[in-house]
Amino acid sequence: QVQLVESGGGLVQAGGSLRLSCAASGRTFSSYVMGWFRQAPGKEREFVAAISWTGGRTRYVDSVKGRFTISRDNAKNTVYLQMNSAKPEDTADYYCALDRTRTDVLRRTLNEYDYWGQGTQVTVSS
């Protein structure tokens, strides 16, 4: 069983920065692709970013490219999402997720991830 716990959400002004963290327990963290997703009020959950086992490869949705950075520290079993130049449209609940297939493929579809955290709320004020 895997437990994922997000933290770091909060209120930030437009143009500001925030760093989200996701701590994992229960499995060998370094053997799994990790992803971040978000869900805005009244909208479907969407892919934000994913990172390979070693952190050497990343993938982003176009709307956050150049502003967000996903990273991981396998020694701490933690994945991060650095949010810079935040925009009001980034307001959402953010979720981390783990893909247990061990293929090191950076997937972007919700049903390809097996474990999810409870989410952390991010609000960007204009």
C-alpha atoms as a PDB file:
ATOM      1  CA  GLN A   1       0.000   0.000   0.000  1.00  0.00           C
ATOM      2  CA  VAL A   2       1.203   3.492  -0.838  1.00  0.00           C
ATOM      3  CA  GLN A   3       0.457   6.670   1.021  1.00  0.00           C
ATOM      4  CA  LEU A   4       0.949  10.046  -0.631  1.00  0.00           C
ATOM      5  CA  VAL A   5       0.645  13.232   1.373  1.00  0.00           C
ATOM      6  CA  GLU A   6       0.736  16.646  -0.284  1.00  0.00           C
ATOM      7  CA  SER A   7       1.621  19.887   1.457  1.00  0.00           C
ATOM      8  CA  GLY A   8       2.582  23.442   0.640  1.00  0.00           C
ATOM      9  CA  GLY A   9      -0.641  24.769  -0.788  1.00  0.00           C
ATOM     10  CA  GLY A  10      -2.045  28.151   0.142  1.00  0.00           C
ATOM     11  CA  LEU A  11      -2.827  31.619  -1.092  1.00  0.00           C
ATOM     12  CA  VAL A  12      -0.408  33.429  -3.403  1.00  0.00           C
ATOM     13  CA  GLN A  13      -0.680  36.609  -5.411  1.00  0.00           C
ATOM     14  CA  ALA A  14      -0.496  36.540  -9.170  1.00  0.00           C
ATOM     15  CA  GLY A  15       3.145  36.507 -10.220  1.00  0.00           C
ATOM     16  CA  GLY A  16       4.193  34.870  -6.977  1.00  0.00           C
ATOM     17  CA  SER A  17       5.680  31.477  -6.210  1.00  0.00           C
ATOM     18  CA  LEU A  18       4.705  28.411  -4.238  1.00  0.00           C
ATOM     19  CA  ARG A  19       6.338  25.015  -3.755  1.00  0.00           C
ATOM     20  CA  LEU A  20       4.218  21.932  -3.308  1.00  0.00           C
ATOM     21  CA  SER A  21       5.597  18.755  -1.771  1.00  0.00           C
ATOM     22  CA  CYS A  22       4.377  15.181  -1.875  1.00  0.00           C
ATOM     23  CA  ALA A  23       5.796  12.672   0.587  1.00  0.00           C
ATOM     24  CA  ALA A  24       5.459   8.990  -0.263  1.00  0.00           C
ATOM     25  CA  SER A  25       5.631   5.939   1.929  1.00  0.00           C
ATOM     26  CA  GLY A  26       5.058   2.250   1.567  1.00  0.00           C
ATOM     27  CA  ARG A  27       7.004   1.414  -1.611  1.00  0.00           C
ATOM     28  CA  THR A  28      10.373   1.837  -3.234  1.00  0.00           C
ATOM     29  CA  PHE A  29       9.785   5.388  -4.337  1.00  0.00           C
ATOM     30  CA  SER A  30      12.668   5.607  -6.798  1.00  0.00           C
ATOM     31  CA  SER A  31      11.175   2.928  -9.085  1.00  0.00           C
ATOM     32  CA  TYR A  32       8.034   4.839  -9.949  1.00  0.00           C
ATOM     33  CA  VAL A  33       7.048   7.682 -12.206  1.00  0.00           C
ATOM     34  CA  MET A  34       5.384  10.454 -10.241  1.00  0.00           C
ATOM     35  CA  GLY A  35       2.877  12.981 -11.509  1.00  0.00           C
ATOM     36  CA  TRP A  36       1.072  16.128 -10.457  1.00  0.00           C
ATOM     37  CA  PHE A  37      -2.522  16.809 -11.446  1.00  0.00           C
ATOM     38  CA  ARG A  38      -4.938  19.608 -10.594  1.00  0.00           C
ATOM     39  CA  GLN A  39      -8.664  20.132 -10.450  1.00  0.00           C
ATOM     40  CA  ALA A  40     -10.217  23.563 -10.602  1.00  0.00           C
ATOM     41  CA  PRO A  41     -13.737  24.195  -9.282  1.00  0.00           C
ATOM     42  CA  GLY A  42     -16.297  22.826 -11.709  1.00  0.00           C
ATOM     43  CA  LYS A  43     -13.663  21.301 -13.997  1.00  0.00           C
ATOM     44  CA  GLU A  44     -12.210  17.876 -14.575  1.00  0.00           C
ATOM     45  CA  ARG A  45      -8.906  16.854 -13.065  1.00  0.00           C
ATOM     46  CA  GLU A  46      -6.063  17.523 -15.491  1.00  0.00           C
ATOM     47  CA  PHE A  47      -2.437  16.530 -15.915  1.00  0.00           C
ATOM     48  CA  VAL A  48       0.169  19.098 -14.868  1.00  0.00           C
ATOM     49  CA  ALA A  49       3.574  17.396 -14.843  1.00  0.00           C
ATOM     50  CA  ALA A  50       5.350  14.065 -14.560  1.00  0.00           C
ATOM     51  CA  ILE A  51       8.893  13.000 -13.709  1.00  0.00           C
ATOM     52  CA  SER A  52      10.917   9.886 -14.442  1.00  0.00           C
ATOM     53  CA  TRP A  53      12.484   7.583 -11.867  1.00  0.00           C
ATOM     54  CA  THR A  54      15.773   9.432 -11.610  1.00  0.00           C
ATOM     55  CA  GLY A  55      14.354  12.857 -12.345  1.00  0.00           C
ATOM     56  CA  GLY A  56      16.235  13.122 -15.621  1.00  0.00           C
ATOM     57  CA  ARG A  57      13.099  13.441 -17.752  1.00  0.00           C
ATOM     58  CA  THR A  58      10.058  15.604 -17.205  1.00  0.00           C
ATOM     59  CA  ARG A  59       6.837  16.368 -19.003  1.00  0.00           C
ATOM     60  CA  TYR A  60       4.451  19.313 -18.628  1.00  0.00           C
ATOM     61  CA  VAL A  61       1.097  20.486 -19.828  1.00  0.00           C
ATOM     62  CA  ASP A  62       1.590  23.429 -22.187  1.00  0.00           C
ATOM     63  CA  SER A  63      -0.092  25.922 -19.864  1.00  0.00           C
ATOM     64  CA  VAL A  64       2.603  25.586 -17.187  1.00  0.00           C
ATOM     65  CA  LYS A  65       5.727  25.140 -19.315  1.00  0.00           C
ATOM     66  CA  GLY A  66       8.399  27.622 -18.332  1.00  0.00           C
ATOM     67  CA  ARG A  67       6.628  28.449 -15.056  1.00  0.00           C
ATOM     68  CA  PHE A  68       6.378  25.176 -13.126  1.00  0.00           C
ATOM     69  CA  THR A  69       9.153  22.714 -12.353  1.00  0.00           C
ATOM     70  CA  ILE A  70       8.694  19.174 -11.139  1.00  0.00           C
ATOM     71  CA  SER A  71      11.552  17.559  -9.251  1.00  0.00           C
ATOM     72  CA  ARG A  72      12.137  14.701  -6.875  1.00  0.00           C
ATOM     73  CA  ASP A  73      14.424  13.682  -4.029  1.00  0.00           C
ATOM     74  CA  ASN A  74      14.468   9.893  -3.907  1.00  0.00           C
ATOM     75  CA  ALA A  75      16.441   9.877  -0.673  1.00  0.00           C
ATOM     76  CA  LYS A  76      13.532  11.725   0.957  1.00  0.00           C
ATOM     77  CA  ASN A  77      10.772   9.901  -0.959  1.00  0.00           C
ATOM     78  CA  THR A  78       9.436  13.285  -1.989  1.00  0.00           C
ATOM     79  CA  VAL A  79       8.356  14.909  -5.226  1.00  0.00           C
ATOM     80  CA  TYR A  80       8.015  18.666  -5.600  1.00  0.00           C
ATOM     81  CA  LEU A  81       6.186  21.115  -7.818  1.00  0.00           C
ATOM     82  CA  GLN A  82       7.740  24.564  -7.915  1.00  0.00           C
ATOM     83  CA  MET A  83       5.165  27.060  -9.138  1.00  0.00           C
ATOM     84  CA  ASN A  84       6.542  30.387 -10.384  1.00  0.00           C
ATOM     85  CA  SER A  85       4.794  33.285 -12.100  1.00  0.00           C
ATOM     86  CA  ALA A  86       1.518  31.989 -10.752  1.00  0.00           C
ATOM     87  CA  LYS A  87      -1.683  32.972 -12.552  1.00  0.00           C
ATOM     88  CA  PRO A  88      -5.286  33.060 -11.301  1.00  0.00           C
ATOM     89  CA  GLU A  89      -6.075  30.209 -13.685  1.00  0.00           C
ATOM     90  CA  ASP A  90      -3.650  28.037 -11.695  1.00  0.00           C
ATOM     91  CA  THR A  91      -6.147  28.069  -8.817  1.00  0.00           C
ATOM     92  CA  ALA A  92      -7.075  24.446  -8.108  1.00  0.00           C
ATOM     93  CA  ASP A  93      -6.655  21.496  -5.812  1.00  0.00           C
ATOM     94  CA  TYR A  94      -3.322  19.870  -6.645  1.00  0.00           C
ATOM     95  CA  TYR A  95      -2.802  16.125  -6.367  1.00  0.00           C
ATOM     96  CA  CYS A  96       0.285  13.981  -6.641  1.00  0.00           C
ATOM     97  CA  ALA A  97       0.032  10.503  -8.071  1.00  0.00           C
ATOM     98  CA  LEU A  98       2.177   7.397  -8.471  1.00  0.00           C
ATOM     99  CA  ASP A  99       2.321   5.129 -11.526  1.00  0.00           C
ATOM    100  CA  ARG A 100       3.154   1.612 -10.388  1.00  0.00           C
ATOM    101  CA  THR A 101       3.746   0.068 -13.836  1.00  0.00           C
ATOM    102  CA  ARG A 102       7.553   0.439 -13.614  1.00  0.00           C
ATOM    103  CA  THR A 103       7.965   1.346 -17.274  1.00  0.00           C
ATOM    104  CA  ASP A 104       9.435   4.822 -16.664  1.00  0.00           C
ATOM    105  CA  VAL A 105       6.988   6.227 -19.214  1.00  0.00           C
ATOM    106  CA  LEU A 106       5.741   9.726 -18.404  1.00  0.00           C
ATOM    107  CA  ARG A 107       1.989   9.240 -18.639  1.00  0.00           C
ATOM    108  CA  ARG A 108      -0.565  12.047 -18.554  1.00  0.00           C
ATOM    109  CA  THR A 109      -3.851  10.184 -18.226  1.00  0.00           C
ATOM    110  CA  LEU A 110      -5.564   9.951 -14.842  1.00  0.00           C
ATOM    111  CA  ASN A 111      -6.422   6.259 -15.038  1.00  0.00           C
ATOM    112  CA  GLU A 112      -2.784   5.356 -15.677  1.00  0.00           C
ATOM    113  CA  TYR A 113      -1.857   6.405 -12.147  1.00  0.00           C
ATOM    114  CA  ASP A 114      -2.607   4.031  -9.324  1.00  0.00           C
ATOM    115  CA  TYR A 115      -2.171   5.930  -6.077  1.00  0.00           C
ATOM    116  CA  TRP A 116      -3.273   9.452  -5.212  1.00  0.00           C
ATOM    117  CA  GLY A 117      -2.817  11.885  -2.404  1.00  0.00           C
ATOM    118  CA  GLN A 118      -5.629  13.799  -0.745  1.00  0.00           C
ATOM    119  CA  GLY A 119      -4.762  17.059  -2.486  1.00  0.00           C
ATOM    120  CA  THR A 120      -3.617  20.486  -1.435  1.00  0.00           C
ATOM    121  CA  GLN A 121      -5.450  23.678  -2.311  1.00  0.00           C
ATOM    122  CA  VAL A 122      -3.762  26.484  -4.232  1.00  0.00           C
ATOM    123  CA  THR A 123      -5.419  29.852  -4.688  1.00  0.00           C
ATOM    124  CA  VAL A 124      -3.860  32.542  -6.850  1.00  0.00           C
ATOM    125  CA  SER A 125      -5.336  35.981  -6.319  1.00  0.00           C
ATOM    126  CA  SER A 126      -5.361  38.600  -9.050  1.00  0.00           C
END
